[in-house]
Protein backbone atom coordinates (compact mmCIF):
# COMPACT_ATOMS: atom_id res chain seq x y z
CA MET A 1 69.90 -100.13 52.09
CA SER A 2 66.26 -100.35 53.09
CA TRP A 3 64.01 -97.56 53.53
CA LEU A 4 63.59 -98.77 57.10
CA ASN A 5 67.36 -98.03 57.52
CA ASP A 6 67.13 -94.65 55.83
CA ILE A 7 64.33 -93.48 58.16
CA SER A 8 65.94 -94.79 61.48
CA GLU A 9 69.24 -93.46 60.48
CA LYS A 10 67.99 -90.09 59.87
CA LYS A 11 66.34 -90.13 63.40
CA ILE A 12 69.67 -91.44 64.92
CA ARG A 13 71.78 -88.64 63.25
CA ASN A 14 69.21 -86.03 64.51
CA LEU A 15 69.72 -87.65 68.05
CA ALA A 16 73.33 -87.00 67.67
CA LYS A 17 73.15 -83.26 67.14
CA ASP A 18 70.79 -82.99 70.77
CA PRO A 19 72.82 -81.02 73.17
CA HIS A 20 72.10 -83.88 75.68
CA TYR A 21 73.44 -86.46 73.62
CA ARG A 22 76.20 -84.83 71.65
CA PRO A 23 78.82 -84.91 74.88
CA ILE A 24 78.04 -88.52 75.05
CA VAL A 25 78.56 -89.34 71.62
CA ASP A 26 81.62 -87.55 71.50
CA SER A 27 82.74 -89.33 74.50
CA ILE A 28 82.03 -92.68 72.84
CA GLU A 29 83.56 -91.98 69.91
CA LYS A 30 86.89 -91.64 71.65
CA VAL A 31 87.08 -95.27 72.29
CA GLN A 32 85.13 -96.93 69.27
CA HIS A 33 87.51 -98.37 66.83
CA ASP A 34 87.53 -101.75 64.82
CA GLY A 35 87.82 -104.77 67.32
CA VAL A 36 86.85 -102.72 70.57
CA SER A 37 84.80 -104.87 72.95
CA SER A 38 81.33 -104.01 73.31
CA ARG A 39 81.87 -103.93 77.29
CA GLU A 40 84.62 -101.13 76.83
CA VAL A 41 82.14 -99.07 74.57
CA ILE A 42 78.93 -99.48 76.67
CA GLU A 43 80.99 -99.01 79.80
CA GLN A 44 82.10 -95.61 78.52
CA ALA A 45 78.71 -94.81 77.11
CA ILE A 46 77.15 -95.26 80.73
CA LYS A 47 79.96 -93.27 82.42
CA ALA A 48 79.24 -90.16 79.76
CA THR A 49 76.05 -90.44 80.28
CA ARG A 50 75.96 -90.51 83.95
CA ASP A 51 78.40 -87.46 83.84
CA GLN A 52 75.76 -85.49 81.21
CA PHE A 53 72.80 -86.29 84.04
CA VAL A 54 74.80 -84.89 86.74
CA LYS A 55 75.91 -81.93 84.63
CA GLU A 56 72.27 -81.53 83.87
CA GLY A 57 71.18 -82.02 87.26
CA ARG A 58 69.03 -84.83 86.14
CA LYS A 59 67.98 -87.69 88.75
CA VAL A 60 70.31 -90.66 87.91
CA ASP A 61 68.60 -93.86 87.79
CA ILE A 62 69.82 -97.05 85.90
CA GLU A 63 66.87 -97.52 83.40
CA HIS A 64 67.10 -93.80 82.12
CA LEU A 65 70.95 -94.23 82.06
CA ARG A 66 70.97 -97.22 80.05
CA GLU A 67 68.45 -95.99 77.41
CA ASP A 68 70.30 -92.75 76.72
CA ALA A 69 73.63 -94.55 76.85
CA PHE A 70 72.45 -96.99 74.19
CA LYS A 71 71.00 -94.52 72.05
CA ALA A 72 74.01 -92.37 72.37
CA ALA A 73 76.39 -95.49 71.27
CA THR A 74 73.67 -95.89 68.33
CA ALA A 75 74.31 -92.37 66.90
CA ALA A 76 78.17 -92.76 67.44
CA SER A 77 78.12 -96.04 65.50
CA VAL A 78 76.08 -94.24 62.73
CA GLU A 79 78.72 -91.47 62.71
CA ALA A 80 81.75 -93.40 62.55
CA PRO A 81 80.94 -96.87 61.51
CA TYR A 82 83.25 -99.64 63.05
CA GLN A 83 83.37 -103.35 63.80
CA LEU A 84 82.56 -104.59 67.49
CA MET A 85 84.58 -107.84 68.75
CA GLY A 86 82.48 -110.80 68.87
CA LEU A 87 79.75 -109.68 66.29
CA PRO A 88 79.25 -110.93 62.80
CA GLU A 89 81.46 -109.29 60.43
CA GLY A 90 80.15 -105.89 59.25
CA THR A 91 79.83 -102.28 60.77
CA ASP A 92 76.26 -102.39 60.33
CA LYS A 93 76.29 -105.31 63.00
CA THR A 94 77.57 -102.76 65.56
CA LYS A 95 74.62 -100.32 64.65
CA HIS A 96 72.17 -103.42 64.90
CA PHE A 97 74.00 -104.12 68.53
CA PHE A 98 73.21 -100.83 69.84
CA ALA A 99 70.07 -99.95 68.41
CA TRP A 100 68.49 -103.20 69.62
CA GLY A 101 70.08 -102.46 72.81
CA ALA A 102 68.49 -98.95 73.04
CA LEU A 103 65.10 -100.58 71.98
CA ALA A 104 65.25 -103.23 74.89
CA SER A 105 66.25 -100.55 77.23
CA GLN A 106 63.26 -98.15 76.05
CA ILE A 107 60.84 -101.21 76.27
CA ASP A 108 61.96 -101.95 79.74
CA GLN A 109 62.08 -98.28 80.84
CA SER A 110 58.25 -98.07 79.78
CA LEU A 111 57.53 -101.26 81.67
CA GLU A 112 59.24 -100.04 84.66
CA VAL A 113 56.92 -97.18 85.14
CA LEU A 114 53.92 -99.84 85.41
CA LYS A 115 55.45 -101.04 88.79
CA ILE A 116 53.74 -104.23 88.41
CA ILE A 117 56.24 -106.07 86.27
CA PRO A 118 58.97 -107.68 88.36
CA GLN A 119 62.53 -106.75 86.97
CA GLY A 120 63.53 -110.19 85.54
CA ALA A 121 60.07 -110.51 83.72
CA ARG A 122 60.77 -107.10 82.41
CA LYS A 123 64.02 -108.11 80.94
CA SER A 124 62.45 -111.09 79.49
CA ILE A 125 59.71 -109.21 77.96
CA SER A 126 61.92 -106.23 76.61
CA VAL A 127 64.41 -108.86 74.80
CA GLY A 128 61.80 -110.44 73.29
CA LEU A 129 59.77 -107.73 72.04
CA ALA A 130 63.08 -106.24 70.65
CA MET A 131 63.66 -109.40 68.82
CA PHE A 132 60.09 -109.54 67.59
CA VAL A 133 61.06 -106.17 66.08
CA GLY A 134 64.19 -107.26 64.65
CA GLN A 135 62.37 -110.05 62.88
CA LEU A 136 59.77 -107.92 61.37
CA LYS A 137 62.53 -105.90 60.29
CA GLU A 138 64.30 -108.74 58.57
CA VAL A 139 61.24 -109.90 56.74
CA ALA A 140 60.75 -106.39 55.44
CA ASP A 141 64.21 -106.20 54.21
CA ILE A 142 63.60 -109.36 52.03
CA PHE A 143 62.66 -106.86 49.23
CA THR A 144 65.36 -104.56 49.76
CA SER A 145 69.07 -105.50 51.41
CA GLY A 146 67.77 -109.20 51.99
CA TYR A 147 67.06 -111.29 54.80
CA ASP A 148 70.06 -111.35 57.30
CA LYS A 149 70.59 -114.15 60.19
CA LYS A 150 73.69 -112.06 60.98
CA ASP A 151 71.66 -108.87 61.75
CA LEU A 152 69.51 -110.92 64.01
CA GLU A 153 72.43 -112.41 65.71
CA ALA A 154 73.69 -108.70 66.55
CA ASP A 155 70.39 -107.64 67.35
CA ARG A 156 69.84 -110.55 69.89
CA GLN A 157 73.35 -109.81 71.64
CA GLY A 158 72.34 -106.08 71.57
CA ALA A 159 68.93 -106.39 73.05
CA LYS A 160 70.48 -108.81 76.05
CA SER A 161 73.54 -106.37 76.68
CA PRO A 162 71.90 -103.25 78.68
CA PHE A 163 70.92 -105.86 81.31
CA ASP A 164 74.39 -106.79 81.97
CA TYR A 165 75.27 -103.18 83.16
CA SER A 166 74.82 -101.30 86.36
CA ASP A 167 75.20 -97.51 87.02
CA PRO A 168 79.02 -97.31 87.80
CA GLY A 169 78.71 -94.32 89.95
């Protein structure tokens, strides 16, 4: 495992301890198992995140919902690794999927605040920047765990996935 993975997993494990995220992570862990579809996990994550926002009296908007849902799904996949259906083999691919979904969501959220970039362009920029980070990480991994095209495939699928879902409420 690379030092980048060590650093990021430590942050993700700390996120799972946060009182805002803990109930969401617990809800996600109830549906995750080897072979589960990303759709099922994401829908559970979004629903649990929306419920948590309502419980906390926070304004519910899709950008914040997606970002928090993907962060919580990443934390759940680190705590209890599993294999998502449709990804290259390896439980680390599930972590890649959700981490890059969270990253793309966070980039989209940051761009949305500017109020000058159209939604379609925000999506393209968010996915592109997330994939750029994925490429850089794989290049850095050459010296530790090795460059893995399958990681990049999971990153790509994950970076695109947040934009396929809307607020279920």
